C-alpha atoms as a PDB file:
ATOM      1  CA  UNK A   1     -32.962 -24.109 -27.851  1.00  0.00           C
ATOM      2  CA  UNK A   2     -30.965 -26.437 -30.083  1.00  0.00           C
ATOM      3  CA  UNK A   3     -28.045 -24.041 -29.677  1.00  0.00           C
ATOM      4  CA  UNK A   4     -28.161 -24.052 -25.877  1.00  0.00           C
ATOM      5  CA  UNK A   5     -28.524 -27.831 -25.816  1.00  0.00           C
ATOM      6  CA  UNK A   6     -25.310 -28.229 -27.796  1.00  0.00           C
ATOM      7  CA  UNK A   7     -23.542 -25.666 -25.642  1.00  0.00           C
ATOM      8  CA  UNK A   8     -24.666 -27.430 -22.485  1.00  0.00           C
ATOM      9  CA  UNK A   9     -22.344 -30.336 -23.199  1.00  0.00           C
ATOM     10  CA  UNK A  10     -19.408 -27.935 -23.140  1.00  0.00           C
ATOM     11  CA  UNK A  11     -20.237 -25.861 -20.068  1.00  0.00           C
ATOM     12  CA  UNK A  12     -21.170 -26.598 -16.464  1.00  0.00           C
ATOM     13  CA  UNK A  13     -24.713 -26.225 -15.191  1.00  0.00           C
ATOM     14  CA  UNK A  14     -23.545 -23.449 -12.906  1.00  0.00           C
ATOM     15  CA  UNK A  15     -22.176 -21.432 -15.776  1.00  0.00           C
ATOM     16  CA  UNK A  16     -25.386 -21.923 -17.739  1.00  0.00           C
ATOM     17  CA  UNK A  17     -27.363 -20.462 -14.853  1.00  0.00           C
ATOM     18  CA  UNK A  18     -25.220 -17.347 -15.085  1.00  0.00           C
ATOM     19  CA  UNK A  19     -25.989 -17.183 -18.786  1.00  0.00           C
ATOM     20  CA  UNK A  20     -29.679 -17.004 -17.992  1.00  0.00           C
ATOM     21  CA  UNK A  21     -29.059 -14.077 -15.657  1.00  0.00           C
ATOM     22  CA  UNK A  22     -27.012 -12.133 -18.203  1.00  0.00           C
ATOM     23  CA  UNK A  23     -28.553  -9.027 -19.677  1.00  0.00           C
ATOM     24  CA  UNK A  24     -30.410  -9.322 -22.949  1.00  0.00           C
ATOM     25  CA  UNK A  25     -28.089  -6.754 -24.463  1.00  0.00           C
ATOM     26  CA  UNK A  26     -25.011  -8.799 -23.589  1.00  0.00           C
ATOM     27  CA  UNK A  27     -26.505 -12.078 -24.774  1.00  0.00           C
ATOM     28  CA  UNK A  28     -27.914 -10.813 -28.072  1.00  0.00           C
ATOM     29  CA  UNK A  29     -26.854 -12.925 -31.019  1.00  0.00           C
ATOM     30  CA  UNK A  30     -27.080 -10.312 -33.739  1.00  0.00           C
ATOM     31  CA  UNK A  31     -23.979  -8.175 -34.152  1.00  0.00           C
ATOM     32  CA  UNK A  32     -23.854  -4.878 -36.010  1.00  0.00           C
ATOM     33  CA  UNK A  33     -22.238  -4.947 -39.434  1.00  0.00           C
ATOM     34  CA  UNK A  34     -18.519  -4.342 -38.889  1.00  0.00           C
ATOM     35  CA  UNK A  35     -16.801  -1.333 -40.401  1.00  0.00           C
ATOM     36  CA  UNK A  36     -14.896  -1.938 -43.616  1.00  0.00           C
ATOM     37  CA  UNK A  37     -11.601  -1.612 -41.739  1.00  0.00           C
ATOM     38  CA  UNK A  38     -12.485  -4.368 -39.271  1.00  0.00           C
ATOM     39  CA  UNK A  39     -10.281  -7.348 -40.086  1.00  0.00           C
ATOM     40  CA  UNK A  40      -9.946 -10.555 -38.060  1.00  0.00           C
ATOM     41  CA  UNK A  41      -6.466 -11.457 -36.799  1.00  0.00           C
ATOM     42  CA  UNK A  42      -6.012 -14.097 -39.510  1.00  0.00           C
ATOM     43  CA  UNK A  43      -5.697 -11.240 -41.984  1.00  0.00           C
ATOM     44  CA  UNK A  44      -3.096  -9.334 -40.005  1.00  0.00           C
ATOM     45  CA  UNK A  45      -4.917  -7.739 -37.073  1.00  0.00           C
ATOM     46  CA  UNK A  46      -3.360  -8.188 -33.644  1.00  0.00           C
ATOM     47  CA  UNK A  47      -4.896 -10.050 -30.722  1.00  0.00           C
ATOM     48  CA  UNK A  48      -5.735  -6.849 -28.858  1.00  0.00           C
ATOM     49  CA  UNK A  49      -5.578  -3.111 -29.494  1.00  0.00           C
ATOM     50  CA  UNK A  50      -6.208  -0.003 -27.420  1.00  0.00           C
ATOM     51  CA  UNK A  51      -4.587   1.576 -24.339  1.00  0.00           C
ATOM     52  CA  UNK A  52      -3.889  -0.540 -21.259  1.00  0.00           C
ATOM     53  CA  UNK A  53      -3.606   1.082 -17.812  1.00  0.00           C
ATOM     54  CA  UNK A  54      -2.477  -1.386 -15.194  1.00  0.00           C
ATOM     55  CA  UNK A  55      -2.435  -0.040 -11.641  1.00  0.00           C
ATOM     56  CA  UNK A  56       1.066   0.984 -10.455  1.00  0.00           C
ATOM     57  CA  UNK A  57       0.292  -0.635  -7.092  1.00  0.00           C
ATOM     58  CA  UNK A  58      -1.442  -4.004  -6.895  1.00  0.00           C
ATOM     59  CA  UNK A  59      -4.612  -3.735  -4.789  1.00  0.00           C
ATOM     60  CA  UNK A  60      -4.238  -5.311  -1.388  1.00  0.00           C
ATOM     61  CA  UNK A  61      -0.436  -5.421  -1.621  1.00  0.00           C
ATOM     62  CA  UNK A  62       0.453  -2.364   0.479  1.00  0.00           C
ATOM     63  CA  UNK A  63      -2.311  -1.979   3.062  1.00  0.00           C
ATOM     64  CA  UNK A  64      -1.109   0.103   6.009  1.00  0.00           C
ATOM     65  CA  UNK A  65      -0.913  -1.847   9.249  1.00  0.00           C
ATOM     66  CA  UNK A  66      -3.499  -0.714  11.777  1.00  0.00           C
ATOM     67  CA  UNK A  67      -2.281   0.438  15.185  1.00  0.00           C
ATOM     68  CA  UNK A  68      -4.064   1.317  18.439  1.00  0.00           C
ATOM     69  CA  UNK A  69      -5.339   4.833  18.961  1.00  0.00           C
ATOM     70  CA  UNK A  70      -3.005   6.991  21.036  1.00  0.00           C
ATOM     71  CA  UNK A  71      -5.731   9.334  22.204  1.00  0.00           C
ATOM     72  CA  UNK A  72      -8.544  11.644  21.176  1.00  0.00           C
ATOM     73  CA  UNK A  73      -9.014  13.153  17.721  1.00  0.00           C
ATOM     74  CA  UNK A  74      -9.921  16.822  17.313  1.00  0.00           C
ATOM     75  CA  UNK A  75     -12.386  16.128  14.511  1.00  0.00           C
ATOM     76  CA  UNK A  76     -13.294  18.971  12.163  1.00  0.00           C
ATOM     77  CA  UNK A  77     -16.874  19.943  11.401  1.00  0.00           C
ATOM     78  CA  UNK A  78     -18.509  18.686   8.223  1.00  0.00           C
ATOM     79  CA  UNK A  79     -21.878  19.221   6.600  1.00  0.00           C
ATOM     80  CA  UNK A  80     -24.629  16.648   6.041  1.00  0.00           C
ATOM     81  CA  UNK A  81     -22.862  15.244   2.966  1.00  0.00           C
ATOM     82  CA  UNK A  82     -19.576  14.716   4.773  1.00  0.00           C
ATOM     83  CA  UNK A  83     -17.951  17.697   3.033  1.00  0.00           C
ATOM     84  CA  UNK A  84     -15.833  20.012   5.186  1.00  0.00           C
ATOM     85  CA  UNK A  85     -17.347  23.268   6.357  1.00  0.00           C
ATOM     86  CA  UNK A  86     -16.042  26.544   4.937  1.00  0.00           C
ATOM     87  CA  UNK A  87     -13.329  27.039   7.560  1.00  0.00           C
ATOM     88  CA  UNK A  88     -11.949  23.566   6.870  1.00  0.00           C
ATOM     89  CA  UNK A  89     -11.903  24.023   3.097  1.00  0.00           C
ATOM     90  CA  UNK A  90      -9.309  26.777   3.414  1.00  0.00           C
ATOM     91  CA  UNK A  91      -6.743  24.067   4.209  1.00  0.00           C
ATOM     92  CA  UNK A  92      -5.794  22.403   0.933  1.00  0.00           C
ATOM     93  CA  UNK A  93      -3.936  19.137   0.272  1.00  0.00           C
ATOM     94  CA  UNK A  94      -0.127  19.359   0.555  1.00  0.00           C
ATOM     95  CA  UNK A  95      -0.448  22.677   2.399  1.00  0.00           C
ATOM     96  CA  UNK A  96      -2.035  21.380   5.556  1.00  0.00           C
ATOM     97  CA  UNK A  97      -1.808  22.382   9.182  1.00  0.00           C
ATOM     98  CA  UNK A  98       0.983  19.878   9.908  1.00  0.00           C
ATOM     99  CA  UNK A  99       4.098  20.572   7.875  1.00  0.00           C
ATOM    100  CA  UNK A 100       5.664  17.638   6.048  1.00  0.00           C
ATOM    101  CA  UNK A 101       2.789  15.162   6.436  1.00  0.00           C
ATOM    102  CA  UNK A 102       0.435  15.200   3.483  1.00  0.00           C
ATOM    103  CA  UNK A 103      -2.058  13.322   1.413  1.00  0.00           C
ATOM    104  CA  UNK A 104      -0.715  12.492  -2.022  1.00  0.00           C
ATOM    105  CA  UNK A 105      -2.058  10.451  -4.960  1.00  0.00           C
ATOM    106  CA  UNK A 106      -5.093   8.342  -4.056  1.00  0.00           C
ATOM    107  CA  UNK A 107      -5.681   5.015  -5.812  1.00  0.00           C
ATOM    108  CA  UNK A 108      -9.187   3.683  -6.462  1.00  0.00           C
ATOM    109  CA  UNK A 109      -9.843   0.089  -7.516  1.00  0.00           C
ATOM    110  CA  UNK A 110     -12.742  -2.014  -8.738  1.00  0.00           C
ATOM    111  CA  UNK A 111     -11.198  -4.809  -6.659  1.00  0.00           C
ATOM    112  CA  UNK A 112     -13.339  -4.875  -3.507  1.00  0.00           C
ATOM    113  CA  UNK A 113     -14.034  -1.155  -4.051  1.00  0.00           C
ATOM    114  CA  UNK A 114     -10.687  -0.395  -2.433  1.00  0.00           C
ATOM    115  CA  UNK A 115      -9.338   3.126  -1.988  1.00  0.00           C
ATOM    116  CA  UNK A 116      -5.767   3.837  -0.915  1.00  0.00           C
ATOM    117  CA  UNK A 117      -5.638   7.257   0.789  1.00  0.00           C
ATOM    118  CA  UNK A 118      -1.880   7.620   0.384  1.00  0.00           C
ATOM    119  CA  UNK A 119       0.026   9.663   2.980  1.00  0.00           C
ATOM    120  CA  UNK A 120       3.568  11.017   2.522  1.00  0.00           C
ATOM    121  CA  UNK A 121       5.956  11.973   5.334  1.00  0.00           C
ATOM    122  CA  UNK A 122       8.885  14.213   4.400  1.00  0.00           C
ATOM    123  CA  UNK A 123       9.915  14.934   7.995  1.00  0.00           C
ATOM    124  CA  UNK A 124      12.793  13.359   9.925  1.00  0.00           C
ATOM    125  CA  UNK A 125      10.581  11.550  12.439  1.00  0.00           C
ATOM    126  CA  UNK A 126       7.984   8.810  12.489  1.00  0.00           C
ATOM    127  CA  UNK A 127       4.446  10.187  12.475  1.00  0.00           C
ATOM    128  CA  UNK A 128       1.318   8.613  13.918  1.00  0.00           C
ATOM    129  CA  UNK A 129      -1.809   9.388  11.941  1.00  0.00           C
ATOM    130  CA  UNK A 130      -5.556   8.913  11.971  1.00  0.00           C
ATOM    131  CA  UNK A 131      -7.336   8.815   8.600  1.00  0.00           C
ATOM    132  CA  UNK A 132     -11.126   9.114   8.429  1.00  0.00           C
ATOM    133  CA  UNK A 133     -13.139   8.511   5.250  1.00  0.00           C
ATOM    134  CA  UNK A 134     -16.743   9.619   4.867  1.00  0.00           C
ATOM    135  CA  UNK A 135     -18.728   7.644   2.276  1.00  0.00           C
ATOM    136  CA  UNK A 136     -22.370   6.677   1.814  1.00  0.00           C
ATOM    137  CA  UNK A 137     -23.476   8.369   5.022  1.00  0.00           C
ATOM    138  CA  UNK A 138     -20.891   6.851   7.368  1.00  0.00           C
ATOM    139  CA  UNK A 139     -17.338   7.379   8.627  1.00  0.00           C
ATOM    140  CA  UNK A 140     -14.615   4.731   8.428  1.00  0.00           C
ATOM    141  CA  UNK A 141     -11.306   5.263  10.154  1.00  0.00           C
ATOM    142  CA  UNK A 142      -7.817   3.828  10.510  1.00  0.00           C
ATOM    143  CA  UNK A 143      -5.006   4.547  12.959  1.00  0.00           C
ATOM    144  CA  UNK A 144      -1.541   3.851  11.603  1.00  0.00           C
ATOM    145  CA  UNK A 145       1.908   5.424  11.190  1.00  0.00           C
ATOM    146  CA  UNK A 146       4.195   6.630   8.419  1.00  0.00           C
ATOM    147  CA  UNK A 147       7.969   6.323   8.569  1.00  0.00           C
ATOM    148  CA  UNK A 148      10.347   9.267   8.350  1.00  0.00           C
ATOM    149  CA  UNK A 149      12.491  10.526   5.497  1.00  0.00           C
ATOM    150  CA  UNK A 150      10.228  10.650   2.475  1.00  0.00           C
ATOM    151  CA  UNK A 151       8.162   7.541   3.174  1.00  0.00           C
ATOM    152  CA  UNK A 152       4.663   6.623   2.042  1.00  0.00           C
ATOM    153  CA  UNK A 153       1.914   4.652   3.724  1.00  0.00           C
ATOM    154  CA  UNK A 154      -1.292   3.379   2.177  1.00  0.00           C
ATOM    155  CA  UNK A 155      -4.310   3.487   4.504  1.00  0.00           C
ATOM    156  CA  UNK A 156      -6.750   1.058   2.862  1.00  0.00           C
ATOM    157  CA  UNK A 157     -10.517   1.481   2.863  1.00  0.00           C
ATOM    158  CA  UNK A 158     -12.680  -1.259   1.367  1.00  0.00           C
ATOM    159  CA  UNK A 159     -16.254  -0.981   0.140  1.00  0.00           C
ATOM    160  CA  UNK A 160     -15.952   2.683  -0.851  1.00  0.00           C
ATOM    161  CA  UNK A 161     -18.623   3.382  -3.472  1.00  0.00           C
ATOM    162  CA  UNK A 162     -19.142   6.741  -5.146  1.00  0.00           C
ATOM    163  CA  UNK A 163     -17.889  10.092  -3.873  1.00  0.00           C
ATOM    164  CA  UNK A 164     -15.998  10.313  -0.586  1.00  0.00           C
ATOM    165  CA  UNK A 165     -13.998  12.675   1.598  1.00  0.00           C
ATOM    166  CA  UNK A 166     -10.811  11.664   3.405  1.00  0.00           C
ATOM    167  CA  UNK A 167      -9.508  13.543   6.469  1.00  0.00           C
ATOM    168  CA  UNK A 168      -5.962  13.344   7.799  1.00  0.00           C
ATOM    169  CA  UNK A 169      -5.096  13.878  11.476  1.00  0.00           C
ATOM    170  CA  UNK A 170      -1.567  13.764  12.940  1.00  0.00           C
ATOM    171  CA  UNK A 171      -0.605  12.950  16.539  1.00  0.00           C
ATOM    172  CA  UNK A 172       1.036  15.933  18.289  1.00  0.00           C
ATOM    173  CA  UNK A 173       1.788  14.246  21.605  1.00  0.00           C
ATOM    174  CA  UNK A 174      -1.583  14.876  23.216  1.00  0.00           C
ATOM    175  CA  UNK A 175      -4.195  14.395  20.473  1.00  0.00           C
ATOM    176  CA  UNK A 176      -4.650  13.803  16.751  1.00  0.00           C
ATOM    177  CA  UNK A 177      -4.832  17.278  15.225  1.00  0.00           C
ATOM    178  CA  UNK A 178      -6.405  18.085  11.881  1.00  0.00           C
ATOM    179  CA  UNK A 179      -3.997  18.352   8.966  1.00  0.00           C
ATOM    180  CA  UNK A 180      -5.959  18.349   5.686  1.00  0.00           C
ATOM    181  CA  UNK A 181      -8.684  16.734   3.601  1.00  0.00           C
ATOM    182  CA  UNK A 182      -8.995  15.354   0.071  1.00  0.00           C
ATOM    183  CA  UNK A 183     -12.044  14.297  -1.893  1.00  0.00           C
ATOM    184  CA  UNK A 184     -12.361  11.521  -4.430  1.00  0.00           C
ATOM    185  CA  UNK A 185     -14.665   9.166  -6.296  1.00  0.00           C
ATOM    186  CA  UNK A 186     -14.592   5.382  -6.406  1.00  0.00           C
ATOM    187  CA  UNK A 187     -16.783   4.210  -9.287  1.00  0.00           C
ATOM    188  CA  UNK A 188     -16.395   0.811 -10.920  1.00  0.00           C
ATOM    189  CA  UNK A 189     -18.109   0.788 -14.324  1.00  0.00           C
ATOM    190  CA  UNK A 190     -16.662  -1.393 -17.090  1.00  0.00           C
ATOM    191  CA  UNK A 191     -18.700  -1.908 -20.252  1.00  0.00           C
ATOM    192  CA  UNK A 192     -18.156  -4.869 -22.596  1.00  0.00           C
ATOM    193  CA  UNK A 193     -19.916  -5.254 -25.929  1.00  0.00           C
ATOM    194  CA  UNK A 194     -19.548  -7.576 -28.902  1.00  0.00           C
ATOM    195  CA  UNK A 195     -18.706  -5.699 -32.108  1.00  0.00           C
ATOM    196  CA  UNK A 196     -17.779  -8.546 -34.479  1.00  0.00           C
ATOM    197  CA  UNK A 197     -19.361 -11.987 -34.714  1.00  0.00           C
ATOM    198  CA  UNK A 198     -18.569 -13.421 -38.138  1.00  0.00           C
ATOM    199  CA  UNK A 199     -16.548 -16.141 -39.861  1.00  0.00           C
ATOM    200  CA  UNK A 200     -15.388 -17.903 -36.724  1.00  0.00           C
ATOM    201  CA  UNK A 201     -14.202 -14.711 -34.998  1.00  0.00           C
ATOM    202  CA  UNK A 202     -15.640 -12.678 -32.126  1.00  0.00           C
ATOM    203  CA  UNK A 203     -14.354  -9.218 -31.153  1.00  0.00           C
ATOM    204  CA  UNK A 204     -15.118  -7.600 -27.794  1.00  0.00           C
ATOM    205  CA  UNK A 205     -15.018  -3.880 -27.061  1.00  0.00           C
ATOM    206  CA  UNK A 206     -14.000  -3.110 -23.456  1.00  0.00           C
ATOM    207  CA  UNK A 207     -14.411   0.371 -21.934  1.00  0.00           C
ATOM    208  CA  UNK A 208     -13.754   1.663 -18.432  1.00  0.00           C
ATOM    209  CA  UNK A 209     -16.454   4.286 -17.881  1.00  0.00           C
ATOM    210  CA  UNK A 210     -15.676   4.682 -14.187  1.00  0.00           C
ATOM    211  CA  UNK A 211     -12.874   6.190 -12.101  1.00  0.00           C
ATOM    212  CA  UNK A 212     -11.121   3.050 -10.867  1.00  0.00           C
ATOM    213  CA  UNK A 213      -8.269   0.847 -11.907  1.00  0.00           C
ATOM    214  CA  UNK A 214      -9.836  -2.297 -13.329  1.00  0.00           C
ATOM    215  CA  UNK A 215      -8.692  -5.746 -14.423  1.00  0.00           C
ATOM    216  CA  UNK A 216     -11.038  -7.247 -17.003  1.00  0.00           C
ATOM    217  CA  UNK A 217     -10.870 -11.034 -17.355  1.00  0.00           C
ATOM    218  CA  UNK A 218     -12.361 -12.407 -20.575  1.00  0.00           C
ATOM    219  CA  UNK A 219     -12.545 -16.177 -21.017  1.00  0.00           C
ATOM    220  CA  UNK A 220     -13.647 -18.370 -23.886  1.00  0.00           C
ATOM    221  CA  UNK A 221     -15.564 -21.096 -22.078  1.00  0.00           C
ATOM    222  CA  UNK A 222     -16.321 -23.045 -25.250  1.00  0.00           C
ATOM    223  CA  UNK A 223     -15.416 -24.451 -27.683  1.00  0.00           C
ATOM    224  CA  UNK A 224     -11.677 -23.809 -27.175  1.00  0.00           C
ATOM    225  CA  UNK A 225     -11.048 -22.919 -23.524  1.00  0.00           C
ATOM    226  CA  UNK A 226      -7.370 -22.467 -22.808  1.00  0.00           C
ATOM    227  CA  UNK A 227      -6.210 -23.528 -26.270  1.00  0.00           C
ATOM    228  CA  UNK A 228      -3.961 -20.659 -27.319  1.00  0.00           C
ATOM    229  CA  UNK A 229      -3.410 -17.022 -28.221  1.00  0.00           C
ATOM    230  CA  UNK A 230      -6.911 -16.255 -29.487  1.00  0.00           C
ATOM    231  CA  UNK A 231      -8.789 -18.477 -27.034  1.00  0.00           C
ATOM    232  CA  UNK A 232      -8.785 -19.257 -23.323  1.00  0.00           C
ATOM    233  CA  UNK A 233      -8.473 -16.547 -20.658  1.00  0.00           C
ATOM    234  CA  UNK A 234      -7.174 -13.049 -21.447  1.00  0.00           C
ATOM    235  CA  UNK A 235      -6.504 -10.053 -19.162  1.00  0.00           C
ATOM    236  CA  UNK A 236      -7.011  -6.386 -19.971  1.00  0.00           C
ATOM    237  CA  UNK A 237      -6.556  -3.173 -17.992  1.00  0.00           C
ATOM    238  CA  UNK A 238      -8.914  -0.566 -19.488  1.00  0.00           C
ATOM    239  CA  UNK A 239      -8.050   3.018 -18.618  1.00  0.00           C
ATOM    240  CA  UNK A 240     -10.611   5.150 -16.806  1.00  0.00           C
ATOM    241  CA  UNK A 241     -12.143   7.660 -19.172  1.00  0.00           C
ATOM    242  CA  UNK A 242     -13.647   5.285 -21.717  1.00  0.00           C
ATOM    243  CA  UNK A 243     -10.839   4.675 -24.239  1.00  0.00           C
ATOM    244  CA  UNK A 244     -11.739   1.371 -25.909  1.00  0.00           C
ATOM    245  CA  UNK A 245      -9.794  -1.880 -25.911  1.00  0.00           C
ATOM    246  CA  UNK A 246     -10.649  -4.349 -28.685  1.00  0.00           C
ATOM    247  CA  UNK A 247      -9.955  -8.042 -28.093  1.00  0.00           C
ATOM    248  CA  UNK A 248     -10.344 -10.955 -30.501  1.00  0.00           C
ATOM    249  CA  UNK A 249     -11.370 -14.556 -29.844  1.00  0.00           C
ATOM    250  CA  UNK A 250     -11.389 -17.419 -32.318  1.00  0.00           C
ATOM    251  CA  UNK A 251     -14.454 -19.624 -31.836  1.00  0.00           C
ATOM    252  CA  UNK A 252     -14.668 -21.526 -35.135  1.00  0.00           C
ATOM    253  CA  UNK A 253     -18.065 -22.759 -36.292  1.00  0.00           C
ATOM    254  CA  UNK A 254     -19.183 -24.458 -33.087  1.00  0.00           C
ATOM    255  CA  UNK A 255     -21.463 -23.070 -30.351  1.00  0.00           C
ATOM    256  CA  UNK A 256     -19.384 -20.743 -28.211  1.00  0.00           C
ATOM    257  CA  UNK A 257     -19.548 -19.044 -24.845  1.00  0.00           C
ATOM    258  CA  UNK A 258     -17.413 -16.097 -23.702  1.00  0.00           C
ATOM    259  CA  UNK A 259     -17.494 -14.650 -20.200  1.00  0.00           C
ATOM    260  CA  UNK A 260     -16.017 -11.246 -19.302  1.00  0.00           C
ATOM    261  CA  UNK A 261     -15.908 -10.003 -15.715  1.00  0.00           C
ATOM    262  CA  UNK A 262     -14.193  -7.256 -13.731  1.00  0.00           C
ATOM    263  CA  UNK A 263     -11.822  -8.988 -11.338  1.00  0.00           C
ATOM    264  CA  UNK A 264     -12.733  -8.603  -7.678  1.00  0.00           C
ATOM    265  CA  UNK A 265     -15.684  -6.293  -8.378  1.00  0.00           C
ATOM    266  CA  UNK A 266     -19.319  -6.622  -7.363  1.00  0.00           C
ATOM    267  CA  UNK A 267     -20.533  -6.104 -10.938  1.00  0.00           C
ATOM    268  CA  UNK A 268     -22.381  -8.743 -12.930  1.00  0.00           C
ATOM    269  CA  UNK A 269     -20.310 -10.474 -15.611  1.00  0.00           C
ATOM    270  CA  UNK A 270     -21.014 -10.122 -19.316  1.00  0.00           C
ATOM    271  CA  UNK A 271     -21.920 -13.295 -21.221  1.00  0.00           C
ATOM    272  CA  UNK A 272     -21.818 -13.796 -24.987  1.00  0.00           C
ATOM    273  CA  UNK A 273     -23.020 -16.889 -26.813  1.00  0.00           C
ATOM    274  CA  UNK A 274     -23.508 -17.878 -30.417  1.00  0.00           C
ATOM    275  CA  UNK A 275     -23.003 -20.452 -33.144  1.00  0.00           C
ATOM    276  CA  UNK A 276     -20.972 -19.408 -36.175  1.00  0.00           C
END
């Protein structure tokens, strides 16, 4: 209680309320004994280590512009899970029914649970398309176009959570005809734990256990917010697959508070407090 009282003078009441909601695992004061090789930055260790994987396309920066429907869509049959029926599965991505118009690399983000269902047009003419995404028991669709001559467009679907199927239809002059499908998974799961909590230093371990591109924002709220290299707000881009990033903060001997959240996601933030 004495610890929280001292910390209260350094943090807003709103931030303290978030601290109360933080999980007991995240807010635990006891840290496991560090390995012998663990050395704070003052003895030569860098600010951060581990692989970073920043998204090649910023989320929200290339959303395809919606256009009116030109007519009916000859929608393929799917099963109760939204998966294509056997006859549809025979058409694979990049070898669809419409030559030169194909799905290519999809991009999944923690930011607003966005999925870009990228479409590539290698033909010599503008193509009008209809993309439908089945997720969580419902269809979402977008009508748009993709320019000629090796151009890409990025149909954007927000709020995609878990597994999904995307279907591509291309306008043939009288209706949108089925081209191909592609499945994917949009899972935002970033884990943050405290692995060092000694001698004025705190080290966080950040892991992306999901399938999305993620931006993890870790901020020292007290006692040295925004002071310098080992304090203030830091940004990391953990790669999907779980490879760990280790980040150091210097907190001195005063009560401290560190917040780490996944930018733009719907996940709860991690909170760490202590008094070294």
